[in-house]
Amino acid sequence: MFLGIEIGGTKLQFGVGKGDGSDVVAFERRDVDIARGGQGIRDQIREVGRELVAKHQIERAAYGFGGPIFGSRGIVQTSHQVAGWDQFPLSEWTQQELGVPTKLGNDCDVAALAEASFGAARDARSVFYVTVGTGIGGGLVIDRQIHGTDRPAAAEIGHLRPGLEAESSKQTVESLAAGPGIAHSTRQRLQAMLQAGEATRDLHDFRERCGGDFTQLTTKAIGEAAMAGNQLAKDQYVAATRVLGWGIAQLITLVAPEMVVVGGGVSLVGEEIFFVPLRAAVQQYVFPPLRDAYRLAPAELGESVVVHGALALARSA
């Protein structure tokens, strides 16, 4: 048996399994207390991990870490959500604390491995995975191997800068097409409508959804409005997926993966609102000879995708 651990900005998940895509035999979830930083998360890993290792005779463990890493060296570069991870030797620490050999992967990379091995892309040789949520991450898997584990970063589609005018590192695909970007642009649009004295049904719908305070409008509420038929909300998704589709098209043009898999909370609004405009944007911007040479599909493995990917990484060690 193997142990897969997901470290995110808000959640910590553990799964015990064979790493072959079969159901896990044990699963634990803990909330992350940001105030306790990386040390607090490590205390949780020590407590839960020791119990699981003892109970299930774990051979190896692996992580899907939410942030940049040096995977081949087992070292976390940093976390953008939780303090206390800078240059931390997580593989070595885990081996000392849990007594099992441990591999370290980025969360999006191991999610890509899971979808390529057991999910939507299990029949493809080359797979690019994109997750769209609070941020936008990417992972490239070729022949069931994660690309770029010896590099400081790889396949970071969210950090592409759309256009020569995007001179700042903050002007990215992620800033425009991730959840916070969709919420920000929607709030700006609504404020402009108010200042112009517009009074539409869509505007009234949004006002009701956020209690009249547009600063409280969330991406979830915008998605719900879009699914309920709010055209302004649908337009915001068209704008966001156009940027994301441009980014995916650049990746396809450069790497030519057989399959592109898209997951994450923002994509859950469904086919009509998210995937139809996304596919149209990719087709518009991709190199024409590759227009019919790839498939784009929703992810299949849901919230457990990182855990399954970590288990697969542990199995492959």
Protein backbone atom coordinates (compact mmCIF):
# COMPACT_ATOMS: atom_id res chain seq x y z
CA MET A 1 0.00 0.00 0.00
CA PHE A 2 0.99 3.60 -0.62
CA LEU A 3 0.18 6.90 1.06
CA GLY A 4 -0.78 9.97 -1.00
CA ILE A 5 -0.94 13.39 0.65
CA GLU A 6 -2.36 16.61 -0.78
CA ILE A 7 -1.23 19.90 0.76
CA GLY A 8 -3.39 22.82 -0.31
CA GLY A 9 -3.97 26.34 0.92
CA THR A 10 -7.14 25.39 2.82
CA LYS A 11 -7.20 21.59 3.00
CA LEU A 12 -4.95 18.64 3.78
CA GLN A 13 -6.00 15.26 2.36
CA PHE A 14 -4.60 11.76 2.92
CA GLY A 15 -5.37 8.64 0.92
CA VAL A 16 -4.15 5.05 1.24
CA GLY A 17 -4.32 2.83 -1.81
CA LYS A 18 -2.55 0.81 -4.47
CA GLY A 19 -1.83 3.77 -6.75
CA ASP A 20 -3.47 2.06 -9.72
CA GLY A 21 -6.66 4.10 -9.84
CA SER A 22 -8.65 1.73 -7.63
CA ASP A 23 -10.63 3.08 -4.69
CA VAL A 24 -8.64 4.20 -1.68
CA VAL A 25 -8.93 1.99 1.40
CA ALA A 26 -8.60 4.92 3.80
CA PHE A 27 -9.18 8.65 3.41
CA GLU A 28 -8.66 11.51 5.85
CA ARG A 29 -9.22 15.24 5.45
CA ARG A 30 -8.09 18.07 7.71
CA ASP A 31 -8.60 21.83 7.44
CA VAL A 32 -5.50 23.99 7.21
CA ASP A 33 -5.05 26.64 9.90
CA ILE A 34 -3.15 29.32 7.99
CA ALA A 35 -2.24 31.07 11.24
CA ARG A 36 -0.18 28.03 12.28
CA GLY A 37 1.72 28.07 9.00
CA GLY A 38 3.74 25.21 7.58
CA GLN A 39 4.61 23.92 11.04
CA GLY A 40 0.94 23.40 11.82
CA ILE A 41 0.48 21.37 8.63
CA ARG A 42 3.54 19.29 9.40
CA ASP A 43 2.16 18.57 12.89
CA GLN A 44 -1.03 17.28 11.25
CA ILE A 45 0.94 15.15 8.79
CA ARG A 46 2.97 13.65 11.61
CA GLU A 47 -0.16 12.77 13.61
CA VAL A 48 -2.34 11.39 10.82
CA GLY A 49 0.49 9.96 8.75
CA ARG A 50 1.93 7.86 11.56
CA GLU A 51 -1.48 6.32 12.24
CA LEU A 52 -2.01 5.45 8.57
CA VAL A 53 1.51 4.06 8.10
CA ALA A 54 1.17 1.83 11.16
CA LYS A 55 -2.30 0.59 10.27
CA HIS A 56 -1.81 -0.09 6.56
CA GLN A 57 1.84 -1.14 6.28
CA ILE A 58 2.73 1.68 3.89
CA GLU A 59 5.66 1.04 1.54
CA ARG A 60 6.13 4.56 0.16
CA ALA A 61 4.50 7.98 0.31
CA ALA A 62 4.20 10.89 -2.09
CA TYR A 63 2.88 14.44 -2.04
CA GLY A 64 0.93 16.77 -4.26
CA PHE A 65 2.06 20.15 -2.90
CA GLY A 66 0.20 23.37 -3.71
CA GLY A 67 3.11 25.51 -4.79
CA PRO A 68 6.45 25.50 -6.61
CA ILE A 69 8.85 22.70 -5.73
CA PHE A 70 12.16 21.12 -6.69
CA GLY A 71 10.61 17.70 -7.25
CA SER A 72 13.74 15.69 -8.03
CA ARG A 73 15.35 17.01 -4.82
CA GLY A 74 12.27 16.67 -2.62
CA ILE A 75 12.39 20.34 -1.63
CA VAL A 76 9.52 22.83 -1.46
CA GLN A 77 10.45 26.20 -2.95
CA THR A 78 7.66 28.15 -1.26
CA SER A 79 3.90 28.36 -0.73
CA HIS A 80 1.90 31.34 -1.94
CA GLN A 81 -0.85 30.65 0.62
CA VAL A 82 0.84 29.44 3.80
CA ALA A 83 4.02 30.74 5.45
CA GLY A 84 6.78 28.44 6.69
CA TRP A 85 7.59 26.39 3.60
CA ASP A 86 10.52 28.24 2.04
CA GLN A 87 13.21 25.79 0.88
CA PHE A 88 11.80 23.06 3.11
CA PRO A 89 13.14 19.47 2.55
CA LEU A 90 9.73 17.83 2.71
CA SER A 91 10.73 14.39 1.37
CA GLU A 92 13.57 14.04 3.85
CA TRP A 93 11.44 15.30 6.73
CA THR A 94 8.65 12.84 5.92
CA GLN A 95 11.03 9.91 5.69
CA GLN A 96 12.37 10.79 9.13
CA GLU A 97 8.95 11.34 10.70
CA LEU A 98 6.94 8.54 9.06
CA GLY A 99 9.72 6.09 8.30
CA VAL A 100 8.89 5.56 4.62
CA PRO A 101 10.62 6.71 1.39
CA THR A 102 8.80 9.76 0.03
CA LYS A 103 8.46 11.50 -3.34
CA LEU A 104 7.45 15.13 -3.81
CA GLY A 105 5.24 16.41 -6.62
CA ASN A 106 3.42 19.63 -7.40
CA ASP A 107 -0.35 19.29 -6.91
CA CYS A 108 -1.22 20.15 -10.50
CA ASP A 109 1.48 17.85 -11.88
CA VAL A 110 0.25 14.84 -9.91
CA ALA A 111 -3.35 15.68 -10.84
CA ALA A 112 -2.18 15.57 -14.46
CA LEU A 113 -0.61 12.17 -13.79
CA ALA A 114 -3.88 10.89 -12.30
CA GLU A 115 -6.04 12.09 -15.19
CA ALA A 116 -3.51 10.68 -17.68
CA SER A 117 -3.37 7.33 -15.91
CA PHE A 118 -6.91 6.73 -14.66
CA GLY A 119 -9.13 9.63 -15.76
CA ALA A 120 -10.30 11.46 -18.85
CA ALA A 121 -6.98 10.97 -20.71
CA ARG A 122 -6.20 7.36 -19.84
CA ASP A 123 -6.09 6.43 -23.55
CA ALA A 124 -3.72 9.26 -24.55
CA ARG A 125 0.08 9.20 -24.63
CA SER A 126 0.66 12.94 -24.17
CA VAL A 127 -1.61 14.91 -21.85
CA PHE A 128 -1.81 18.52 -20.73
CA TYR A 129 -3.90 19.15 -17.62
CA VAL A 130 -5.25 22.55 -16.59
CA THR A 131 -6.94 23.36 -13.30
CA VAL A 132 -8.99 26.55 -13.08
CA GLY A 133 -9.98 27.70 -9.62
CA THR A 134 -8.55 30.37 -7.33
CA GLY A 135 -5.52 30.15 -9.62
CA ILE A 136 -4.67 28.41 -12.88
CA GLY A 137 -2.13 25.61 -12.93
CA GLY A 138 -0.86 23.23 -15.57
CA GLY A 139 0.82 19.86 -15.79
CA LEU A 140 2.31 17.98 -18.74
CA VAL A 141 2.50 14.18 -18.73
CA ILE A 142 4.13 12.14 -21.49
CA ASP A 143 4.02 8.34 -21.43
CA ARG A 144 2.70 8.49 -17.84
CA GLN A 145 5.73 10.50 -16.73
CA ILE A 146 5.50 14.04 -15.34
CA HIS A 147 7.54 16.46 -17.43
CA GLY A 148 9.88 18.92 -15.74
CA THR A 149 10.43 17.39 -12.29
CA ASP A 150 14.06 18.55 -12.43
CA ARG A 151 13.12 22.14 -13.31
CA PRO A 152 12.03 25.03 -11.03
CA ALA A 153 8.70 25.18 -12.90
CA ALA A 154 7.09 23.66 -15.97
CA ALA A 155 3.82 23.93 -17.91
CA GLU A 156 2.71 26.99 -15.90
CA ILE A 157 0.02 28.11 -18.30
CA GLY A 158 -1.53 30.45 -15.74
CA HIS A 159 1.60 32.60 -15.80
CA LEU A 160 1.63 33.19 -19.54
CA ARG A 161 1.26 36.90 -20.32
CA PRO A 162 -1.39 37.50 -23.00
CA GLY A 163 0.06 40.14 -25.31
CA LEU A 164 3.21 42.26 -25.59
CA GLU A 165 1.58 44.95 -23.42
CA ALA A 166 1.58 42.56 -20.44
CA GLU A 167 4.97 43.72 -19.16
CA SER A 168 4.30 42.95 -15.48
CA SER A 169 4.53 39.41 -14.11
CA LYS A 170 1.10 40.04 -12.58
CA GLN A 171 -0.56 40.52 -15.99
CA THR A 172 -1.25 36.87 -16.64
CA VAL A 173 -3.79 34.39 -17.94
CA GLU A 174 -4.47 33.56 -14.29
CA SER A 175 -5.22 37.19 -13.36
CA LEU A 176 -7.93 37.32 -16.04
CA ALA A 177 -9.37 33.81 -16.25
CA ALA A 178 -9.19 32.35 -12.73
CA GLY A 179 -12.01 32.74 -10.23
CA PRO A 180 -10.85 36.02 -8.63
CA GLY A 181 -10.27 37.54 -12.08
CA ILE A 182 -13.80 36.66 -13.18
CA ALA A 183 -15.22 38.16 -9.98
CA HIS A 184 -13.13 41.34 -10.31
CA SER A 185 -14.07 41.99 -13.93
CA THR A 186 -17.75 41.33 -13.20
CA ARG A 187 -17.76 43.80 -10.31
CA GLN A 188 -16.14 46.42 -12.53
CA ARG A 189 -18.76 45.84 -15.23
CA LEU A 190 -21.61 46.20 -12.76
CA GLN A 191 -20.20 49.39 -11.24
CA ALA A 192 -19.86 50.89 -14.73
CA MET A 193 -23.49 50.00 -15.46
CA LEU A 194 -24.61 51.67 -12.26
CA GLN A 195 -22.67 54.83 -13.05
CA ALA A 196 -24.21 54.89 -16.53
CA GLY A 197 -27.68 54.63 -15.02
CA GLU A 198 -28.45 51.26 -16.62
CA ALA A 199 -31.19 49.17 -15.02
CA THR A 200 -31.31 45.71 -16.54
CA ARG A 201 -32.77 42.44 -15.35
CA ASP A 202 -29.25 40.97 -15.14
CA LEU A 203 -28.09 43.85 -12.94
CA HIS A 204 -31.09 43.37 -10.65
CA ASP A 205 -30.34 39.64 -10.46
CA PHE A 206 -26.77 40.31 -9.35
CA ARG A 207 -27.93 42.88 -6.80
CA GLU A 208 -30.19 40.27 -5.21
CA ARG A 209 -27.45 37.65 -5.17
CA CYS A 210 -25.02 39.84 -3.19
CA GLY A 211 -27.46 41.79 -1.04
CA GLY A 212 -26.88 44.98 -3.00
CA ASP A 213 -23.13 45.06 -2.21
CA PHE A 214 -21.23 44.19 -5.36
CA THR A 215 -17.94 44.02 -3.43
CA GLN A 216 -19.32 40.81 -1.90
CA LEU A 217 -20.05 39.18 -5.24
CA THR A 218 -18.26 35.81 -5.52
CA THR A 219 -17.24 33.69 -8.46
CA LYS A 220 -19.62 31.00 -7.21
CA ALA A 221 -22.54 33.45 -7.34
CA ILE A 222 -21.55 34.53 -10.86
CA GLY A 223 -21.46 30.90 -11.97
CA GLU A 224 -24.89 30.27 -10.45
CA ALA A 225 -26.24 33.36 -12.21
CA ALA A 226 -24.84 32.16 -15.52
CA MET A 227 -26.42 28.72 -15.11
CA ALA A 228 -29.72 30.43 -14.29
CA GLY A 229 -29.64 32.35 -17.58
CA ASN A 230 -28.05 35.69 -16.60
CA GLN A 231 -26.57 36.85 -19.93
CA LEU A 232 -24.13 39.28 -18.33
CA ALA A 233 -22.71 36.43 -16.26
CA LYS A 234 -22.44 34.25 -19.36
CA ASP A 235 -20.58 37.04 -21.14
CA GLN A 236 -18.05 37.17 -18.30
CA TYR A 237 -17.33 33.48 -18.77
CA VAL A 238 -16.94 33.99 -22.50
CA ALA A 239 -14.34 36.69 -21.83
CA ALA A 240 -12.46 34.53 -19.30
CA THR A 241 -12.49 31.38 -21.43
CA ARG A 242 -11.23 33.38 -24.40
CA VAL A 243 -8.08 34.25 -22.44
CA LEU A 244 -7.71 30.70 -21.15
CA GLY A 245 -8.33 29.30 -24.62
CA TRP A 246 -5.59 31.54 -25.99
CA GLY A 247 -3.20 30.12 -23.39
CA ILE A 248 -4.15 26.52 -24.11
CA ALA A 249 -3.74 27.17 -27.84
CA GLN A 250 -0.16 28.36 -27.28
CA LEU A 251 0.61 25.18 -25.35
CA ILE A 252 -0.93 22.97 -28.05
CA THR A 253 0.99 24.84 -30.74
CA LEU A 254 4.30 24.31 -28.92
CA VAL A 255 3.90 20.80 -27.46
CA ALA A 256 1.07 19.20 -29.51
CA PRO A 257 -0.46 17.04 -26.75
CA GLU A 258 -3.02 14.48 -27.83
CA MET A 259 -5.35 15.40 -24.98
CA VAL A 260 -6.12 18.52 -22.93
CA VAL A 261 -8.01 17.93 -19.67
CA VAL A 262 -9.54 20.85 -17.78
CA GLY A 263 -10.66 20.69 -14.17
CA GLY A 264 -11.08 22.93 -11.14
CA GLY A 265 -14.01 24.68 -9.54
CA VAL A 266 -14.47 27.36 -12.20
CA SER A 267 -15.00 24.69 -14.88
CA LEU A 268 -17.90 23.12 -12.98
CA VAL A 269 -20.44 25.54 -14.46
CA GLY A 270 -20.60 23.03 -17.27
CA GLU A 271 -20.50 22.46 -20.99
CA GLU A 272 -22.59 25.35 -22.32
CA ILE A 273 -21.18 28.12 -20.15
CA PHE A 274 -17.54 27.05 -19.86
CA PHE A 275 -16.49 24.38 -22.33
CA VAL A 276 -18.32 25.56 -25.47
CA PRO A 277 -16.69 29.03 -25.46
CA LEU A 278 -13.37 27.54 -24.32
CA ARG A 279 -13.25 25.11 -27.23
CA ALA A 280 -14.14 27.90 -29.65
CA ALA A 281 -11.31 30.08 -28.33
CA VAL A 282 -8.75 27.27 -28.55
CA GLN A 283 -9.76 26.59 -32.14
CA GLN A 284 -9.49 30.27 -32.97
CA TYR A 285 -5.94 30.69 -31.65
CA VAL A 286 -4.27 27.31 -32.21
CA PHE A 287 -1.88 26.64 -35.12
CA PRO A 288 -4.24 25.52 -37.93
CA PRO A 289 -2.54 22.18 -38.72
CA LEU A 290 -3.23 21.13 -35.11
CA ARG A 291 -6.93 22.06 -35.02
CA ASP A 292 -8.08 18.48 -35.46
CA ALA A 293 -5.12 16.83 -33.73
CA TYR A 294 -6.15 17.14 -30.06
CA ARG A 295 -9.11 16.45 -27.79
CA LEU A 296 -10.28 18.70 -24.96
CA ALA A 297 -12.38 17.21 -22.16
CA PRO A 298 -13.49 17.86 -18.56
CA ALA A 299 -11.56 16.18 -15.76
CA GLU A 300 -13.13 13.02 -14.32
CA LEU A 301 -11.57 12.40 -10.91
CA GLY A 302 -13.04 15.27 -8.90
CA GLU A 303 -11.73 16.39 -5.52
CA SER A 304 -9.65 13.24 -5.02
CA VAL A 305 -7.57 13.80 -8.17
CA VAL A 306 -4.45 15.06 -6.36
CA VAL A 307 -4.53 12.19 -3.85
CA HIS A 308 -4.84 9.64 -6.68
CA GLY A 309 -1.95 11.34 -8.48
CA ALA A 310 0.21 11.28 -5.37
CA LEU A 311 -0.53 7.58 -4.92
CA ALA A 312 0.46 6.95 -8.54
CA LEU A 313 3.69 8.90 -7.97
CA ALA A 314 4.47 6.79 -4.90
CA ARG A 315 3.77 3.60 -6.84
CA SER A 316 6.08 4.63 -9.67
CA ALA A 317 9.04 5.41 -7.43
